[in-house]
Each structure stands twice: as structure tokens, then as C-alpha cells.
Amino acid sequence: MATIHFILQGKGGVGKSLVASMLVQFLRLKIDPELVRCIDTDPVNHTLAGYREFNADILDIMVGDDIDARSFDQLMERIFELPEKAHMVVDNGASSFVPLCSYLVENRAISLLHEEGHQVFMHSIITGGQAITDTLSGLKSLAEHFGTGSNLMVWLNRYFGEIEINGSGFEEFKVYKDYQDKFHSMIEIPHRKQSTFGKDLESLLAEKISFDAAIHSTRPIMERQRIKSWWSAACETMEMAQFV
């Protein structure tokens, strides 16, 4: 049947929408683009929906000032309407992390998807710097509440600093040792010099255009070369994760 990719992390500003956009673009390279669907459920910032190339749907989950958990019923309906072999990327905001996770657990939604033949991946981002503890907490919550069949994918984002605690890397962290049987694979987001690659990437994300569009644009030659190089490295690490 279809494959569903949930982007889930309770800490904001760590790269969830970047990961969502990377997934969409990589999947469009690997399969028929018409079979790649995406939904933006972030109640605050519709970043993924800002990419016109992706034709992302916006799922309005707010009723007044509160998140209405029943709104996620619409998400499930759209999943069950997917054609054979389609992939859906669901970009979820930090503020709706707990409501969506609670909905999936309480309604046994993941089990239902499996029973209908769908495959599920849960993508969570771990970042260095000040947010490392919060992102590890978000990952631990996912590992505690969802089984091996949820295929947890860990994205390592070193943009804000090295992912280490007291000199130990991620594979030495307690959360990895405790739950490694639930992790499908780890994907390292390419990390390059901030003054060149970093600024190019920031510009690309702000404009909300795809890597392919940027590579074939009228941007300066070396800027296009750096974007091409970064995207090529990103595709290589996603290829190794084997989720397509």
C-alpha cells in the first residue's frame, strides 16, 4: 500500500521543515512525483506548504485558540485515500507534537495503518547546541510510545553544534542504547562551512524553492555548485537509510 512519513519533534527550530522538504524532494527523485504527497499540520508556521512546487495540503487543526484532536481524523482519511505505492510526508509543528502523538497512541492509529498494509516511518531530529537535551527528550518519548514497526528514523543536525555530551557521540547516548532496536537508521544532515554553504542553504530555505530549481537557476555559479554538492551529499545519506 502506501508509506507514511511523520516528522515529529517537540522542540521548535531544529530543522523539522528542512527534513520534510528534503524527504519530499528525495522521494520525487526516486518515484513518480505524482505519488509523493505532503501535508502541513503545523498550526503556527506552514513552512512546507510554502513550497509551491510540492503542492502541499494544509490541515487546519485549530478551533479558536486550541488544537482540536479530532482534526487528525481528516489526516487519517487522506492517508487511506492514497493510491498504491504512494508516499506521504506529514510535517508537524512543535506545538502539535504532543496532541498528534497522543492521538496516534489513543486511537491505535499506527496499528490500524499496519493492519491495512501501510508502512510507517517516524522521523525525529537531534541537534547539537542548547537544544540537544530537548531533542533527545522528544526522541525518547517517541521510542517509549511507538513500537519497532513505527520505524524510527533519527536525523542528526549539527548546524547548531556537535551532537555530543561529555565527548560522547550519539551512539553512546543512553537513549540510543536503550532504544536502538526501534531505530531504523540514522541520517546525518550534511554539515559544511557556515560562511559559504550555510548562507546558501539559509537563502534557499527562506525562498522556499527546491534544490533542483536552485541548481538550474541564474544564481552565481559557485553558489549553484555548493548547493549541488550539498544536495548530492544529502541524497547519498538518505539513500543509505533505505526507506524507499
Protein backbone atom coordinates (compact mmCIF):
# COMPACT_ATOMS: atom_id res chain seq x y z
CA MET A 1 0.00 0.00 0.00
CA ALA A 2 1.30 3.48 0.87
CA THR A 3 4.20 4.69 3.02
CA ILE A 4 3.66 7.43 5.59
CA HIS A 5 6.43 9.69 6.92
CA PHE A 6 5.64 11.59 10.12
CA ILE A 7 8.06 14.41 11.04
CA LEU A 8 7.88 14.58 14.83
CA GLN A 9 9.92 16.57 17.33
CA GLY A 10 8.69 18.57 20.30
CA LYS A 11 11.42 21.21 20.09
CA GLY A 12 10.90 24.05 17.63
CA GLY A 13 13.50 25.48 15.29
CA VAL A 14 15.63 22.35 14.96
CA GLY A 15 15.08 21.58 11.26
CA LYS A 16 11.77 19.70 11.02
CA SER A 17 10.60 21.54 7.92
CA LEU A 18 14.07 21.20 6.37
CA VAL A 19 13.85 17.43 6.85
CA ALA A 20 10.30 17.40 5.47
CA SER A 21 11.38 19.30 2.34
CA MET A 22 14.41 17.03 1.88
CA LEU A 23 12.20 13.96 2.13
CA VAL A 24 9.72 15.28 -0.40
CA GLN A 25 12.45 16.16 -2.89
CA PHE A 26 14.32 12.87 -2.45
CA LEU A 27 11.14 10.85 -2.87
CA ARG A 28 10.26 12.80 -6.03
CA LEU A 29 13.63 11.72 -7.43
CA LYS A 30 13.08 8.06 -6.55
CA ILE A 31 9.45 7.52 -7.58
CA ASP A 32 6.77 9.12 -9.73
CA PRO A 33 6.37 12.69 -8.36
CA GLU A 34 2.60 12.28 -8.65
CA LEU A 35 2.83 9.60 -5.97
CA VAL A 36 4.55 11.92 -3.47
CA ARG A 37 2.00 13.75 -1.33
CA CYS A 38 2.59 16.09 1.58
CA ILE A 39 0.53 17.66 4.33
CA ASP A 40 1.47 20.56 6.58
CA THR A 41 -0.15 20.23 10.02
CA ASP A 42 1.90 22.94 11.75
CA PRO A 43 -0.65 25.28 13.35
CA VAL A 44 1.85 28.16 13.57
CA ASN A 45 4.15 28.14 10.53
CA HIS A 46 3.09 26.49 7.26
CA THR A 47 6.68 26.18 6.06
CA LEU A 48 6.30 23.05 3.93
CA ALA A 49 3.16 24.43 2.31
CA GLY A 50 5.22 27.47 1.32
CA TYR A 51 6.99 25.37 -1.35
CA ARG A 52 4.71 25.85 -4.34
CA GLU A 53 6.46 23.05 -6.21
CA PHE A 54 5.25 20.48 -3.68
CA ASN A 55 1.51 21.28 -3.75
CA ALA A 56 1.30 20.53 -0.04
CA ASP A 57 -2.11 20.49 1.60
CA ILE A 58 -2.67 22.42 4.83
CA LEU A 59 -4.57 20.61 7.56
CA ASP A 60 -6.23 23.14 9.85
CA ILE A 61 -6.18 21.62 13.32
CA MET A 62 -7.15 24.72 15.30
CA VAL A 63 -10.54 25.56 16.78
CA GLY A 64 -10.24 29.04 18.20
CA ASP A 65 -7.03 29.10 20.22
CA ASP A 66 -6.91 25.36 20.84
CA ILE A 67 -5.83 22.31 18.86
CA ASP A 68 -8.77 20.02 18.05
CA ALA A 69 -7.51 16.43 18.18
CA ARG A 70 -10.47 15.28 16.06
CA SER A 71 -8.96 17.25 13.18
CA PHE A 72 -6.41 14.46 12.85
CA ASP A 73 -9.28 12.23 11.69
CA GLN A 74 -9.03 14.15 8.42
CA LEU A 75 -5.35 13.26 8.20
CA MET A 76 -6.16 9.58 8.54
CA GLU A 77 -8.88 9.85 5.90
CA ARG A 78 -6.38 11.35 3.44
CA ILE A 79 -3.88 8.60 4.20
CA PHE A 80 -6.45 5.90 3.43
CA GLU A 81 -7.26 7.64 0.14
CA LEU A 82 -3.65 7.37 -1.07
CA PRO A 83 -3.01 5.36 -4.22
CA GLU A 84 -0.90 2.21 -4.27
CA LYS A 85 2.84 2.79 -3.64
CA ALA A 86 2.37 6.46 -2.76
CA HIS A 87 4.45 8.20 -0.10
CA MET A 88 3.01 10.90 2.15
CA VAL A 89 5.15 13.32 4.17
CA VAL A 90 3.41 14.83 7.20
CA ASP A 91 5.18 17.92 8.56
CA ASN A 92 4.07 18.51 12.13
CA GLY A 93 4.83 21.53 14.30
CA ALA A 94 6.40 21.59 17.76
CA SER A 95 3.18 22.85 19.34
CA SER A 96 1.19 19.93 17.94
CA PHE A 97 3.80 17.27 18.78
CA VAL A 98 2.05 16.12 21.96
CA PRO A 99 -1.51 16.32 20.53
CA LEU A 100 -0.62 14.30 17.42
CA CYS A 101 1.39 11.70 19.32
CA SER A 102 -1.43 11.34 21.86
CA TYR A 103 -3.94 10.95 19.04
CA LEU A 104 -1.86 8.25 17.33
CA VAL A 105 -1.46 6.32 20.60
CA GLU A 106 -5.01 6.66 21.96
CA ASN A 107 -6.63 5.76 18.64
CA ARG A 108 -4.17 2.95 17.87
CA ALA A 109 -3.71 4.72 14.54
CA ILE A 110 -0.32 3.20 13.74
CA SER A 111 -1.65 -0.32 14.32
CA LEU A 112 -4.58 0.46 12.04
CA LEU A 113 -2.24 1.65 9.30
CA HIS A 114 -0.18 -1.52 9.61
CA GLU A 115 -3.30 -3.70 9.51
CA GLU A 116 -4.25 -2.05 6.22
CA GLY A 117 -0.83 -2.77 4.76
CA HIS A 118 0.71 0.70 5.07
CA GLN A 119 4.29 1.27 6.13
CA VAL A 120 5.08 3.98 8.69
CA PHE A 121 8.28 5.91 9.36
CA MET A 122 8.66 8.41 12.18
CA HIS A 123 11.40 10.96 11.57
CA SER A 124 12.84 12.88 14.51
CA ILE A 125 15.67 15.41 14.57
CA ILE A 126 18.50 15.53 17.08
CA THR A 127 20.51 18.73 17.09
CA GLY A 128 23.65 19.93 18.83
CA GLY A 129 23.98 23.05 20.92
CA GLN A 130 21.48 24.20 23.53
CA ALA A 131 18.60 22.17 22.12
CA ILE A 132 20.31 18.79 22.39
CA THR A 133 18.62 17.82 25.68
CA ASP A 134 15.16 18.82 24.45
CA THR A 135 15.51 16.97 21.16
CA LEU A 136 16.74 13.83 22.94
CA SER A 137 13.69 14.06 25.19
CA GLY A 138 11.41 14.22 22.14
CA LEU A 139 13.09 11.19 20.60
CA LYS A 140 12.83 9.24 23.86
CA SER A 141 9.11 9.99 24.02
CA LEU A 142 8.61 8.57 20.52
CA ALA A 143 10.67 5.49 21.32
CA GLU A 144 8.67 4.85 24.50
CA HIS A 145 5.25 5.18 22.90
CA PHE A 146 5.70 3.60 19.48
CA GLY A 147 6.86 0.11 18.63
CA THR A 148 9.52 -1.19 16.28
CA GLY A 149 7.01 -1.20 13.44
CA SER A 150 6.97 2.59 13.52
CA ASN A 151 10.50 2.60 12.07
CA LEU A 152 12.08 5.50 13.94
CA MET A 153 14.45 7.49 11.74
CA VAL A 154 16.96 9.69 13.56
CA TRP A 155 18.20 12.79 11.72
CA LEU A 156 21.42 14.26 13.13
CA ASN A 157 21.62 18.02 12.58
CA ARG A 158 25.00 19.58 13.52
CA TYR A 159 24.05 23.06 12.32
CA PHE A 160 23.86 24.35 15.91
CA GLY A 161 26.87 22.42 17.22
CA GLU A 162 28.35 18.98 17.58
CA ILE A 163 25.99 16.26 18.77
CA GLU A 164 27.92 15.08 21.78
CA ILE A 165 27.72 15.05 25.56
CA ASN A 166 30.94 14.99 27.57
CA GLY A 167 32.84 13.94 24.45
CA SER A 168 30.50 11.04 23.61
CA GLY A 169 28.64 10.85 20.30
CA PHE A 170 25.00 9.90 19.69
CA GLU A 171 25.60 6.14 19.65
CA GLU A 172 26.95 6.43 23.19
CA PHE A 173 23.88 8.29 24.45
CA LYS A 174 21.54 6.48 26.84
CA VAL A 175 18.53 6.96 24.55
CA TYR A 176 20.37 5.16 21.75
CA LYS A 177 21.50 2.28 23.94
CA ASP A 178 18.03 1.88 25.47
CA TYR A 179 16.03 2.01 22.24
CA GLN A 180 18.39 1.16 19.38
CA ASP A 181 16.21 -1.80 18.38
CA LYS A 182 13.49 0.71 17.46
CA PHE A 183 15.72 2.84 15.23
CA HIS A 184 15.50 2.01 11.55
CA SER A 185 18.54 4.13 10.66
CA MET A 186 20.34 7.41 11.27
CA ILE A 187 20.68 10.15 8.66
CA GLU A 188 23.36 12.80 9.04
CA ILE A 189 22.34 16.13 7.53
CA PRO A 190 25.44 17.39 5.66
CA HIS A 191 27.37 19.96 7.68
CA ARG A 192 29.56 22.43 5.81
CA LYS A 193 31.19 25.79 6.46
CA GLN A 194 28.61 28.31 7.67
CA SER A 195 30.05 31.31 5.81
CA THR A 196 29.59 29.67 2.40
CA PHE A 197 27.37 26.58 2.31
CA GLY A 198 25.42 27.70 5.37
CA LYS A 199 24.44 31.06 3.90
CA ASP A 200 23.49 29.46 0.59
CA LEU A 201 21.24 26.98 2.38
CA GLU A 202 19.65 29.68 4.53
CA SER A 203 18.82 31.67 1.39
CA LEU A 204 17.35 28.60 -0.29
CA LEU A 205 15.15 27.78 2.69
CA ALA A 206 13.98 31.37 3.07
CA GLU A 207 12.92 31.49 -0.60
CA LYS A 208 11.26 28.06 -0.29
CA ILE A 209 12.45 26.69 -3.60
CA SER A 210 13.70 23.19 -4.29
CA PHE A 211 17.34 22.22 -4.66
CA ASP A 212 16.76 21.31 -8.30
CA ALA A 213 15.22 24.70 -9.03
CA ALA A 214 18.14 26.45 -7.35
CA ILE A 215 20.73 24.35 -9.18
CA HIS A 216 19.14 25.26 -12.53
CA SER A 217 18.55 28.92 -11.65
CA THR A 218 20.52 32.05 -12.55
CA ARG A 219 22.23 32.18 -9.15
CA PRO A 220 26.00 32.75 -9.16
CA ILE A 221 27.97 29.77 -10.48
CA MET A 222 29.74 28.85 -7.25
CA GLU A 223 26.58 29.23 -5.21
CA ARG A 224 24.87 26.74 -7.52
CA GLN A 225 27.90 24.45 -7.25
CA ARG A 226 27.77 24.46 -3.45
CA ILE A 227 24.03 23.78 -3.43
CA LYS A 228 24.52 20.92 -5.89
CA SER A 229 27.33 19.47 -3.79
CA TRP A 230 25.33 19.72 -0.54
CA TRP A 231 22.22 18.16 -2.08
CA SER A 232 24.24 15.34 -3.62
CA ALA A 233 25.71 14.51 -0.19
CA ALA A 234 22.23 14.65 1.37
CA CYS A 235 20.83 12.25 -1.24
CA GLU A 236 23.68 9.81 -0.60
CA THR A 237 22.98 9.62 3.12
CA MET A 238 19.22 9.28 2.52
CA GLU A 239 19.90 6.52 0.01
CA MET A 240 21.79 4.57 2.66
CA ALA A 241 18.81 4.86 5.06
CA GLN A 242 16.77 2.59 2.75
CA PHE A 243 13.24 3.86 3.28
CA VAL A 244 12.17 3.81 -0.36
